[in-house]
């Protein structure tokens, strides 16, 4: 006959098992990477640093971003002339949005209501109402628009035009261009600072990043790069991200195969980090501990330890990886609301 446990111990065991059964499963963040040649998205687990799954999307996928609650994600399928909307739990295509021709990059407004899309072939920015799936406006901008961003205060949007060499400032209330700011050759990517007071724009052929003061709408700093042993024409800034407190900017330098680390107070480069070949874009975990780079020619993703500013792993993905976005996984205690009710 099995020995009975004392009542206090039996109760402790029961409670422990019940707690374990009802405890929420804590999952690592995931990094979604688009691959232009394979027409796929690869998903990397931020804890194991392994590709956990790959699934098909539209033709020549480039930009990718998540809804504010991380329930959906959007993919610019450039050669499908569509912005595709997927369910983030199942990776299933829900519907296409009327994106305009050749969508390259896009930006979701801070309230999640609008999607601003740069349409390279027809020199416009398309503004889409996400809920109704209808086009609110198509705004004429410069030739070959690519970069797209919306200010955190939701007052301004910007489109960069690669051939016109300008950052086109759009008033989000009137949906009109209110200024055109000249930058260096072939601007590719744009980001507002958190206070919505500055705008950073990378110029691929110019080899620079321009910092624009939005009060005056004038460039106030031009950041240049010099990598020992790399020819100047191979130093081509494209995507970039800031760390959490915006003390550092990480700039992908294309065929220089480096990420430049820039001090945002002095605008000086403090380090160059060697990554894979033809680095395009970057994504950082919410905690700011890991940075992921898409390397278009070596068909991989480099993982950088942000604290030490060192690469720690290379992860093979599909052919010509281009865009990257992080799906945040909230950690929720038993006393808190379940993850599906949390809005990031």
Protein backbone atom coordinates (compact mmCIF):
# COMPACT_ATOMS: atom_id res chain seq x y z
CA UNK A 1 0.00 0.00 0.00
CA UNK A 2 1.55 3.37 -1.02
CA UNK A 3 2.43 5.70 1.80
CA UNK A 4 0.09 8.70 2.15
CA UNK A 5 1.69 12.14 2.13
CA UNK A 6 1.15 14.37 5.17
CA UNK A 7 -1.65 16.86 4.49
CA UNK A 8 0.58 20.02 4.31
CA UNK A 9 3.00 18.31 1.91
CA UNK A 10 0.19 16.90 -0.21
CA UNK A 11 -1.36 20.36 -0.45
CA UNK A 12 2.00 21.86 -1.44
CA UNK A 13 2.45 19.28 -4.21
CA UNK A 14 -1.09 19.88 -5.49
CA UNK A 15 -0.68 23.64 -5.56
CA UNK A 16 2.72 23.36 -7.28
CA UNK A 17 1.32 21.11 -10.00
CA UNK A 18 -1.72 23.32 -10.49
CA UNK A 19 0.45 26.42 -10.71
CA UNK A 20 2.71 24.79 -13.28
CA UNK A 21 -0.27 23.71 -15.36
CA UNK A 22 -1.85 27.16 -15.37
CA UNK A 23 1.34 29.22 -15.70
CA UNK A 24 1.52 31.12 -18.98
CA UNK A 25 3.98 29.79 -21.52
CA UNK A 26 6.80 32.29 -21.95
CA UNK A 27 8.01 32.42 -25.54
CA UNK A 28 10.99 34.21 -26.93
CA UNK A 29 10.60 37.10 -29.32
CA UNK A 30 10.68 36.19 -32.99
CA UNK A 31 12.44 37.92 -35.88
CA UNK A 32 10.68 37.78 -39.24
CA UNK A 33 12.97 38.10 -42.28
CA UNK A 34 11.81 38.59 -45.88
CA UNK A 35 13.74 36.88 -48.70
CA UNK A 36 13.38 38.57 -52.09
CA UNK A 37 14.45 35.65 -54.30
CA UNK A 38 12.58 32.88 -52.47
CA UNK A 39 9.35 34.85 -51.89
CA UNK A 40 9.34 33.69 -48.29
CA UNK A 41 9.56 34.84 -44.70
CA UNK A 42 11.89 33.01 -42.31
CA UNK A 43 11.18 33.21 -38.57
CA UNK A 44 14.08 33.19 -36.10
CA UNK A 45 13.62 32.39 -32.41
CA UNK A 46 15.44 35.09 -30.42
CA UNK A 47 16.39 32.65 -27.65
CA UNK A 48 17.66 29.65 -29.58
CA UNK A 49 18.83 31.79 -32.54
CA UNK A 50 17.49 29.16 -34.90
CA UNK A 51 15.08 29.39 -37.82
CA UNK A 52 11.89 27.77 -36.57
CA UNK A 53 9.80 27.97 -39.75
CA UNK A 54 9.66 29.45 -43.23
CA UNK A 55 6.48 30.20 -45.18
CA UNK A 56 5.58 31.63 -48.62
CA UNK A 57 4.44 35.20 -49.23
CA UNK A 58 3.98 37.35 -52.34
CA UNK A 59 6.59 38.03 -54.99
CA UNK A 60 9.80 39.91 -54.06
CA UNK A 61 8.94 40.67 -50.44
CA UNK A 62 10.78 43.65 -48.98
CA UNK A 63 9.40 45.76 -46.14
CA UNK A 64 7.74 44.01 -43.18
CA UNK A 65 6.13 45.39 -40.01
CA UNK A 66 3.76 44.32 -37.22
CA UNK A 67 0.51 45.81 -35.98
CA UNK A 68 0.75 47.54 -32.61
CA UNK A 69 -0.81 44.57 -30.80
CA UNK A 70 1.40 42.08 -32.73
CA UNK A 71 -1.66 40.13 -33.92
CA UNK A 72 -0.99 40.88 -37.58
CA UNK A 73 1.95 41.64 -39.82
CA UNK A 74 2.22 43.40 -43.15
CA UNK A 75 4.51 42.47 -46.05
CA UNK A 76 5.39 44.63 -49.06
CA UNK A 77 5.21 42.14 -51.93
CA UNK A 78 6.76 44.46 -54.50
CA UNK A 79 6.34 42.35 -57.65
CA UNK A 80 2.82 41.35 -56.60
CA UNK A 81 1.91 45.05 -56.29
CA UNK A 82 0.36 44.33 -52.92
CA UNK A 83 0.70 44.89 -49.23
CA UNK A 84 -0.25 41.55 -47.72
CA UNK A 85 -1.79 41.20 -44.26
CA UNK A 86 -1.08 38.00 -42.30
CA UNK A 87 -2.35 36.51 -39.04
CA UNK A 88 0.69 36.40 -36.73
CA UNK A 89 -0.48 33.29 -34.86
CA UNK A 90 -0.96 31.14 -37.94
CA UNK A 91 1.19 32.90 -40.59
CA UNK A 92 -1.86 32.72 -42.86
CA UNK A 93 -2.59 35.35 -45.48
CA UNK A 94 -5.78 37.23 -44.56
CA UNK A 95 -6.08 39.76 -47.39
CA UNK A 96 -4.23 42.21 -49.59
CA UNK A 97 -4.36 45.97 -49.20
CA UNK A 98 -4.59 48.31 -52.23
CA UNK A 99 -0.96 49.35 -52.07
CA UNK A 100 -0.31 50.98 -55.42
CA UNK A 101 2.42 49.87 -57.84
CA UNK A 102 5.69 48.37 -56.60
CA UNK A 103 5.46 48.96 -52.84
CA UNK A 104 8.98 49.11 -51.37
CA UNK A 105 8.80 50.22 -47.76
CA UNK A 106 5.95 51.32 -45.55
CA UNK A 107 5.28 52.73 -42.11
CA UNK A 108 2.36 52.21 -39.77
CA UNK A 109 1.05 55.28 -37.97
CA UNK A 110 1.52 55.28 -34.17
CA UNK A 111 -2.20 54.67 -33.64
CA UNK A 112 -2.16 51.78 -36.13
CA UNK A 113 -4.92 53.35 -38.21
CA UNK A 114 -2.99 54.19 -41.38
CA UNK A 115 -0.34 52.59 -43.49
CA UNK A 116 1.92 54.88 -45.54
CA UNK A 117 3.44 53.11 -48.56
CA UNK A 118 6.27 54.25 -50.85
CA UNK A 119 5.47 53.25 -54.46
CA UNK A 120 8.69 53.19 -56.45
CA UNK A 121 7.33 52.82 -59.99
CA UNK A 122 4.79 55.65 -60.00
CA UNK A 123 6.43 58.24 -57.70
CA UNK A 124 3.66 58.43 -55.12
CA UNK A 125 3.04 57.71 -51.48
CA UNK A 126 -0.15 55.72 -50.95
CA UNK A 127 -2.02 56.22 -47.68
CA UNK A 128 -4.27 53.32 -46.67
CA UNK A 129 -6.94 53.16 -43.98
CA UNK A 130 -6.11 49.81 -42.39
CA UNK A 131 -9.58 49.05 -40.97
CA UNK A 132 -11.62 49.84 -44.09
CA UNK A 133 -8.85 48.71 -46.49
CA UNK A 134 -9.35 51.75 -48.70
CA UNK A 135 -6.93 54.27 -50.14
CA UNK A 136 -7.25 57.67 -48.47
CA UNK A 137 -4.80 59.45 -50.75
CA UNK A 138 -2.02 59.07 -53.27
CA UNK A 139 0.51 61.84 -52.76
CA UNK A 140 2.93 62.87 -55.50
CA UNK A 141 6.55 62.73 -54.32
CA UNK A 142 9.94 62.45 -56.05
CA UNK A 143 11.21 59.84 -58.48
CA UNK A 144 11.74 56.31 -57.10
CA UNK A 145 10.37 56.71 -53.56
CA UNK A 146 11.60 54.09 -51.11
CA UNK A 147 12.10 55.14 -47.48
CA UNK A 148 9.00 55.72 -45.37
CA UNK A 149 8.50 56.81 -41.75
CA UNK A 150 5.86 58.44 -39.52
CA UNK A 151 6.74 60.68 -36.59
CA UNK A 152 5.90 59.36 -33.09
CA UNK A 153 3.60 62.35 -32.52
CA UNK A 154 1.72 61.33 -35.70
CA UNK A 155 1.95 64.82 -37.22
CA UNK A 156 4.40 64.16 -40.04
CA UNK A 157 5.33 61.40 -42.46
CA UNK A 158 8.36 61.29 -44.73
CA UNK A 159 9.10 59.62 -48.05
CA UNK A 160 12.62 59.53 -49.48
CA UNK A 161 13.05 59.56 -53.26
CA UNK A 162 16.12 57.80 -54.61
CA UNK A 163 16.46 59.73 -57.87
CA UNK A 164 15.25 63.16 -56.73
CA UNK A 165 17.55 62.90 -53.68
CA UNK A 166 15.00 64.40 -51.33
CA UNK A 167 13.10 63.75 -48.13
CA UNK A 168 9.49 64.74 -48.76
CA UNK A 169 7.74 65.90 -45.59
CA UNK A 170 4.03 65.07 -45.51
CA UNK A 171 1.49 66.66 -43.19
CA UNK A 172 -0.65 63.76 -41.91
CA UNK A 173 -3.71 65.94 -41.30
CA UNK A 174 -3.97 67.35 -44.82
CA UNK A 175 -2.09 64.50 -46.54
CA UNK A 176 -0.06 66.97 -48.56
CA UNK A 177 3.68 67.52 -49.03
CA UNK A 178 4.69 70.54 -46.95
CA UNK A 179 8.44 70.53 -47.61
CA UNK A 180 11.13 68.91 -49.74
CA UNK A 181 14.56 68.63 -48.15
CA UNK A 182 17.60 67.92 -50.31
CA UNK A 183 19.95 65.20 -49.03
CA UNK A 184 22.80 63.22 -50.59
CA UNK A 185 22.45 60.81 -53.50
CA UNK A 186 19.99 57.92 -53.38
CA UNK A 187 18.31 58.26 -49.97
CA UNK A 188 17.08 54.86 -48.82
CA UNK A 189 15.85 54.88 -45.23
CA UNK A 190 14.39 57.39 -42.75
CA UNK A 191 13.70 57.41 -39.02
CA UNK A 192 12.29 60.03 -36.66
CA UNK A 193 13.68 60.39 -33.15
CA UNK A 194 11.28 59.57 -30.31
CA UNK A 195 10.64 63.25 -29.54
CA UNK A 196 9.69 63.86 -33.21
CA UNK A 197 12.21 66.72 -33.37
CA UNK A 198 14.84 65.15 -35.64
CA UNK A 199 14.78 63.12 -38.81
CA UNK A 200 17.65 60.88 -39.90
CA UNK A 201 18.00 59.90 -43.58
CA UNK A 202 20.56 57.51 -45.08
CA UNK A 203 21.94 58.13 -48.58
CA UNK A 204 23.29 55.01 -50.25
CA UNK A 205 25.35 56.49 -53.10
CA UNK A 206 26.22 59.64 -51.19
CA UNK A 207 27.66 57.44 -48.44
CA UNK A 208 26.18 59.57 -45.67
CA UNK A 209 23.44 59.90 -43.07
CA UNK A 210 21.83 63.34 -42.82
CA UNK A 211 20.32 64.56 -39.56
CA UNK A 212 17.52 67.07 -40.14
CA UNK A 213 16.15 69.49 -37.58
CA UNK A 214 12.37 69.51 -38.04
CA UNK A 215 11.85 72.91 -36.40
CA UNK A 216 13.83 74.58 -39.19
CA UNK A 217 13.54 71.71 -41.69
CA UNK A 218 17.23 72.08 -42.43
CA UNK A 219 20.05 69.52 -42.31
CA UNK A 220 22.15 70.11 -39.20
CA UNK A 221 24.65 67.24 -39.36
CA UNK A 222 26.02 64.98 -42.08
CA UNK A 223 27.59 61.74 -40.85
CA UNK A 224 30.29 60.20 -43.05
CA UNK A 225 31.90 56.79 -42.88
CA UNK A 226 35.39 55.49 -43.55
CA UNK A 227 36.27 51.80 -43.26
CA UNK A 228 39.91 50.79 -43.47
CA UNK A 229 40.53 48.58 -46.50
CA UNK A 230 37.10 49.30 -48.05
CA UNK A 231 36.76 51.53 -51.11
CA UNK A 232 34.63 54.62 -50.53
CA UNK A 233 32.10 53.69 -53.25
CA UNK A 234 31.40 50.41 -51.42
CA UNK A 235 30.35 52.22 -48.25
CA UNK A 236 26.62 52.54 -48.89
CA UNK A 237 24.39 53.35 -45.88
CA UNK A 238 20.90 51.86 -46.11
CA UNK A 239 18.83 50.69 -43.12
CA UNK A 240 19.49 51.85 -39.57
CA UNK A 241 17.98 51.64 -36.07
CA UNK A 242 18.47 53.39 -32.73
CA UNK A 243 19.03 51.66 -29.41
CA UNK A 244 16.47 52.11 -26.60
CA UNK A 245 17.68 55.44 -25.23
CA UNK A 246 18.74 56.68 -28.67
CA UNK A 247 22.32 57.13 -27.51
CA UNK A 248 23.51 54.96 -30.40
CA UNK A 249 22.51 54.49 -34.02
CA UNK A 250 23.37 51.30 -35.90
CA UNK A 251 23.78 51.87 -39.65
CA UNK A 252 23.95 49.10 -42.26
CA UNK A 253 26.67 49.95 -44.81
CA UNK A 254 25.66 47.64 -47.68
CA UNK A 255 28.58 46.13 -49.64
CA UNK A 256 31.05 47.39 -47.02
CA UNK A 257 29.74 44.39 -45.02
CA UNK A 258 29.78 46.44 -41.84
CA UNK A 259 27.39 47.99 -39.36
CA UNK A 260 28.55 51.40 -38.16
CA UNK A 261 27.87 52.31 -34.53
CA UNK A 262 27.27 56.06 -34.24
CA UNK A 263 27.23 58.15 -31.06
CA UNK A 264 24.09 60.26 -31.51
CA UNK A 265 25.41 63.13 -29.37
CA UNK A 266 28.75 63.61 -31.11
CA UNK A 267 27.69 62.07 -34.46
CA UNK A 268 31.00 60.21 -34.49
CA UNK A 269 31.40 56.56 -35.50
CA UNK A 270 32.68 54.64 -32.50
CA UNK A 271 32.95 51.21 -34.11
CA UNK A 272 32.46 49.21 -37.30
CA UNK A 273 31.08 45.67 -36.82
CA UNK A 274 31.85 43.06 -39.48
CA UNK A 275 28.71 41.20 -40.61
CA UNK A 276 27.60 39.23 -43.69
CA UNK A 277 27.75 40.35 -47.31
CA UNK A 278 25.62 43.28 -48.53
CA UNK A 279 23.90 44.19 -45.28
CA UNK A 280 20.51 45.76 -45.95
CA UNK A 281 18.36 46.27 -42.87
CA UNK A 282 18.32 45.79 -39.11
CA UNK A 283 15.95 44.82 -36.31
CA UNK A 284 16.53 45.03 -32.56
CA UNK A 285 14.85 43.11 -29.74
CA UNK A 286 12.60 45.15 -27.40
CA UNK A 287 15.12 44.82 -24.57
CA UNK A 288 17.84 46.17 -26.84
CA UNK A 289 20.16 43.25 -26.21
CA UNK A 290 20.34 41.71 -29.69
CA UNK A 291 20.56 43.24 -33.15
CA UNK A 292 19.77 41.25 -36.30
CA UNK A 293 21.09 42.24 -39.75
CA UNK A 294 19.83 41.02 -43.14
CA UNK A 295 22.75 40.21 -45.44
CA UNK A 296 21.49 40.09 -49.01
CA UNK A 297 24.39 38.41 -50.80
CA UNK A 298 25.52 35.88 -48.18
CA UNK A 299 21.87 34.86 -47.60
CA UNK A 300 22.13 35.04 -43.84
CA UNK A 301 21.38 37.07 -40.74
CA UNK A 302 24.12 38.24 -38.39
CA UNK A 303 23.26 38.43 -34.68
CA UNK A 304 25.06 41.19 -32.75
CA UNK A 305 25.45 41.36 -28.98
CA UNK A 306 24.58 45.02 -28.42
CA UNK A 307 26.22 45.34 -24.99
CA UNK A 308 29.58 44.18 -26.35
CA UNK A 309 29.12 45.42 -29.92
CA UNK A 310 30.22 42.05 -31.27
CA UNK A 311 28.71 39.55 -33.73
CA UNK A 312 27.85 36.28 -32.03
CA UNK A 313 26.19 34.17 -34.72
CA UNK A 314 25.35 33.87 -38.40
CA UNK A 315 21.99 32.29 -39.29
CA UNK A 316 21.22 31.02 -42.79
CA UNK A 317 17.84 32.12 -44.18
CA UNK A 318 16.40 32.38 -47.70
CA UNK A 319 17.97 33.96 -50.77
CA UNK A 320 18.45 37.74 -50.70
CA UNK A 321 17.17 38.55 -47.22
CA UNK A 322 16.01 42.16 -47.18
CA UNK A 323 13.57 43.29 -44.47
CA UNK A 324 13.33 42.35 -40.80
CA UNK A 325 10.84 42.95 -37.99
CA UNK A 326 10.57 41.69 -34.41
CA UNK A 327 7.41 40.08 -33.09
CA UNK A 328 7.37 40.97 -29.42
CA UNK A 329 6.23 38.21 -27.03
CA UNK A 330 5.00 39.71 -23.73
CA UNK A 331 5.86 37.97 -20.46
CA UNK A 332 2.70 37.81 -18.34
CA UNK A 333 2.39 36.72 -14.70
CA UNK A 334 -0.67 34.84 -13.40
CA UNK A 335 -1.99 37.96 -11.71
CA UNK A 336 -1.87 39.94 -14.94
CA UNK A 337 -4.17 39.97 -17.92
CA UNK A 338 -3.61 37.33 -20.60
CA UNK A 339 -1.28 38.19 -23.50
CA UNK A 340 -4.06 38.52 -26.06
CA UNK A 341 -5.47 41.57 -24.23
CA UNK A 342 -2.18 43.43 -23.98
CA UNK A 343 -1.64 46.22 -26.51
CA UNK A 344 1.98 47.18 -27.05
